N, C-alpha and C. Protein backbone atom coordinates (compact mmCIF):
# COMPACT_ATOMS: atom_id res chain seq x y z
N UNK A 1 124.20 -80.95 -20.91
CA UNK A 1 125.49 -82.10 -20.60
C UNK A 1 124.73 -83.37 -21.27
N UNK A 2 126.44 -83.66 -22.05
CA UNK A 2 126.22 -84.55 -23.39
C UNK A 2 126.11 -85.97 -22.55
N UNK A 3 125.46 -87.01 -23.48
CA UNK A 3 125.46 -88.04 -23.06
C UNK A 3 126.90 -88.70 -23.31
N UNK A 4 127.39 -89.44 -22.06
CA UNK A 4 128.79 -89.88 -21.92
C UNK A 4 128.96 -91.31 -22.65
N UNK A 5 127.57 -91.97 -22.92
CA UNK A 5 127.32 -93.37 -23.39
C UNK A 5 127.25 -93.36 -24.75
N UNK A 6 127.00 -92.08 -25.52
CA UNK A 6 127.11 -92.15 -26.87
C UNK A 6 128.50 -92.03 -27.55
N UNK A 7 129.70 -92.09 -26.72
CA UNK A 7 130.68 -92.04 -26.85
C UNK A 7 131.39 -93.29 -27.13
N UNK A 8 130.88 -94.02 -26.40
CA UNK A 8 131.29 -95.47 -26.55
C UNK A 8 130.75 -96.50 -28.05
N UNK A 9 131.40 -96.93 -28.76
CA UNK A 9 131.18 -97.46 -29.80
C UNK A 9 130.26 -98.58 -29.73
N UNK A 10 129.24 -98.60 -30.89
CA UNK A 10 127.93 -99.36 -30.82
C UNK A 10 128.33 -100.95 -30.56
N UNK A 11 129.40 -101.19 -31.45
CA UNK A 11 129.89 -102.63 -31.19
C UNK A 11 131.07 -103.01 -30.07
N UNK A 12 131.29 -101.90 -29.65
CA UNK A 12 132.39 -102.81 -28.76
C UNK A 12 131.74 -102.87 -27.24
N UNK A 13 132.38 -104.05 -26.73
CA UNK A 13 132.12 -104.30 -25.33
C UNK A 13 132.57 -103.48 -24.11
N UNK A 14 131.68 -102.91 -23.45
CA UNK A 14 132.38 -102.69 -21.93
C UNK A 14 132.94 -103.83 -21.28
N UNK A 15 133.88 -102.96 -20.84
CA UNK A 15 134.77 -104.08 -19.47
C UNK A 15 133.55 -104.79 -18.82
N UNK A 16 134.08 -105.81 -17.86
CA UNK A 16 133.28 -106.56 -17.03
C UNK A 16 133.25 -105.53 -15.93
N UNK A 17 134.34 -105.10 -15.54
CA UNK A 17 134.66 -103.98 -14.37
C UNK A 17 133.64 -102.93 -14.19
N UNK A 18 133.55 -102.37 -15.00
CA UNK A 18 132.46 -101.55 -15.63
C UNK A 18 131.19 -101.78 -15.71
N UNK A 19 130.72 -102.97 -16.36
CA UNK A 19 129.17 -103.72 -16.03
C UNK A 19 129.10 -103.85 -14.54
N UNK A 20 129.92 -104.36 -13.84
CA UNK A 20 129.57 -104.85 -12.44
C UNK A 20 129.98 -103.47 -11.47
N UNK A 21 130.67 -102.42 -11.64
CA UNK A 21 130.25 -101.41 -11.09
C UNK A 21 129.10 -100.65 -11.20
N UNK A 22 128.65 -100.62 -12.53
CA UNK A 22 126.84 -100.13 -12.49
C UNK A 22 125.97 -100.74 -12.11
N UNK A 23 126.13 -101.95 -12.33
CA UNK A 23 124.80 -102.91 -11.79
C UNK A 23 124.47 -103.04 -9.80
N UNK A 24 126.25 -102.96 -9.67
CA UNK A 24 126.38 -102.84 -8.09
C UNK A 24 125.85 -101.28 -7.54
N UNK A 25 125.93 -100.24 -8.63
CA UNK A 25 125.27 -98.85 -8.14
C UNK A 25 123.73 -99.26 -8.06
N UNK A 26 123.33 -99.94 -9.24
CA UNK A 26 121.83 -99.86 -9.36
C UNK A 26 121.34 -100.74 -8.14
N UNK A 27 122.20 -101.87 -7.89
CA UNK A 27 121.60 -102.53 -6.39
C UNK A 27 121.44 -102.03 -5.39
N UNK A 28 122.61 -100.67 -5.25
CA UNK A 28 122.71 -100.04 -4.06
C UNK A 28 121.45 -98.98 -4.20
N UNK A 29 120.88 -98.44 -5.07
CA UNK A 29 119.62 -97.50 -5.48
C UNK A 29 118.34 -98.68 -4.78
N UNK A 30 118.47 -99.48 -5.50
CA UNK A 30 117.40 -100.59 -5.19
C UNK A 30 117.29 -100.52 -3.65
N UNK A 31 118.58 -100.90 -2.88
CA UNK A 31 118.06 -101.28 -1.73
C UNK A 31 118.00 -100.09 -0.80
N UNK A 32 118.48 -98.70 -1.16
CA UNK A 32 118.15 -97.44 -0.52
C UNK A 32 116.83 -97.25 -1.09
N UNK A 33 116.34 -97.57 -1.79
CA UNK A 33 114.59 -97.34 -2.09
C UNK A 33 113.81 -98.30 -1.23
N UNK A 34 114.38 -99.58 -1.00
CA UNK A 34 113.40 -100.41 -0.24
C UNK A 34 113.55 -100.22 1.29
N UNK A 35 114.42 -99.53 1.60
CA UNK A 35 114.49 -99.71 3.24
C UNK A 35 113.84 -97.93 3.03
N UNK A 36 114.05 -97.26 2.60
CA UNK A 36 113.52 -95.82 2.58
C UNK A 36 111.62 -96.28 3.06
N UNK A 37 111.23 -97.20 1.71
CA UNK A 37 109.84 -97.58 1.70
C UNK A 37 109.19 -98.31 3.05
N UNK A 38 110.69 -99.42 4.11
CA UNK A 38 110.19 -100.07 4.71
C UNK A 38 109.81 -99.01 5.99
N UNK A 39 111.19 -97.91 5.97
CA UNK A 39 110.90 -97.12 7.40
C UNK A 39 110.17 -95.82 7.43
N UNK A 40 109.88 -95.73 5.73
CA UNK A 40 108.93 -94.37 5.80
C UNK A 40 107.22 -94.63 5.45
N UNK A 41 107.07 -95.94 4.98
CA UNK A 41 105.73 -96.32 4.66
C UNK A 41 105.41 -97.53 5.23
N UNK A 42 105.87 -98.57 5.28
CA UNK A 42 105.15 -99.87 5.84
C UNK A 42 105.52 -99.73 7.34
N UNK A 43 106.65 -99.17 8.32
CA UNK A 43 106.47 -99.16 9.54
C UNK A 43 105.49 -98.71 10.11
N UNK A 44 105.60 -97.23 9.69
CA UNK A 44 104.29 -96.42 10.29
C UNK A 44 102.94 -96.93 9.97
N UNK A 45 102.90 -97.50 8.59
CA UNK A 45 101.26 -98.04 8.72
C UNK A 45 101.19 -99.25 9.54
N UNK A 46 102.12 -99.95 9.57
CA UNK A 46 102.21 -101.21 10.81
C UNK A 46 101.67 -100.56 12.17
N UNK A 47 102.19 -99.50 12.54
CA UNK A 47 102.20 -98.80 14.13
C UNK A 47 100.63 -98.52 14.05
N UNK A 48 100.38 -97.50 13.03
CA UNK A 48 98.76 -97.69 12.87
C UNK A 48 97.93 -98.39 12.83
N UNK A 49 98.10 -99.75 12.14
CA UNK A 49 97.20 -100.89 12.45
C UNK A 49 97.16 -101.39 13.82
N UNK A 50 98.45 -101.67 14.61
CA UNK A 50 98.79 -101.91 15.88
C UNK A 50 97.56 -101.16 16.71
N UNK A 51 97.98 -99.73 16.81
CA UNK A 51 97.28 -98.82 17.48
C UNK A 51 95.71 -99.08 17.42
N UNK A 52 95.13 -99.28 16.10
CA UNK A 52 93.84 -99.33 15.73
C UNK A 52 93.38 -100.48 16.80
N UNK A 53 94.06 -101.50 16.56
CA UNK A 53 93.83 -102.84 16.99
C UNK A 53 93.74 -102.68 18.84
N UNK A 54 94.73 -102.01 19.69
CA UNK A 54 94.83 -102.19 20.79
C UNK A 54 93.68 -100.89 21.28
N UNK A 55 93.33 -99.98 20.51
CA UNK A 55 92.12 -98.82 21.01
C UNK A 55 90.78 -99.52 20.54
N UNK A 56 91.03 -100.57 19.57
CA UNK A 56 89.24 -101.03 19.53
C UNK A 56 89.38 -102.23 20.58
N UNK A 57 90.12 -102.67 21.24
CA UNK A 57 90.20 -103.82 22.31
C UNK A 57 90.16 -103.02 23.67
N UNK A 58 90.48 -102.07 23.78
CA UNK A 58 90.38 -101.22 24.94
C UNK A 58 89.00 -100.82 25.28
N UNK A 59 88.31 -100.42 24.12
CA UNK A 59 86.87 -99.85 23.94
C UNK A 59 86.05 -101.05 23.97
N UNK A 60 86.48 -102.47 24.02
CA UNK A 60 85.55 -103.55 24.32
C UNK A 60 85.66 -104.30 25.66
């Protein structure tokens, strides 16, 4: 697959709408990664810590 960005002339400015679309797409990817991190890593870790605390308090 050829790199489509090499077709763009180096001195040529990209249209503002294209820049905005690319930046919006990057933001969506970042948001998706943050949500995945929240629900796949942080939430289970929080539950694990909560259960450890509860089990320790039940033993005492």
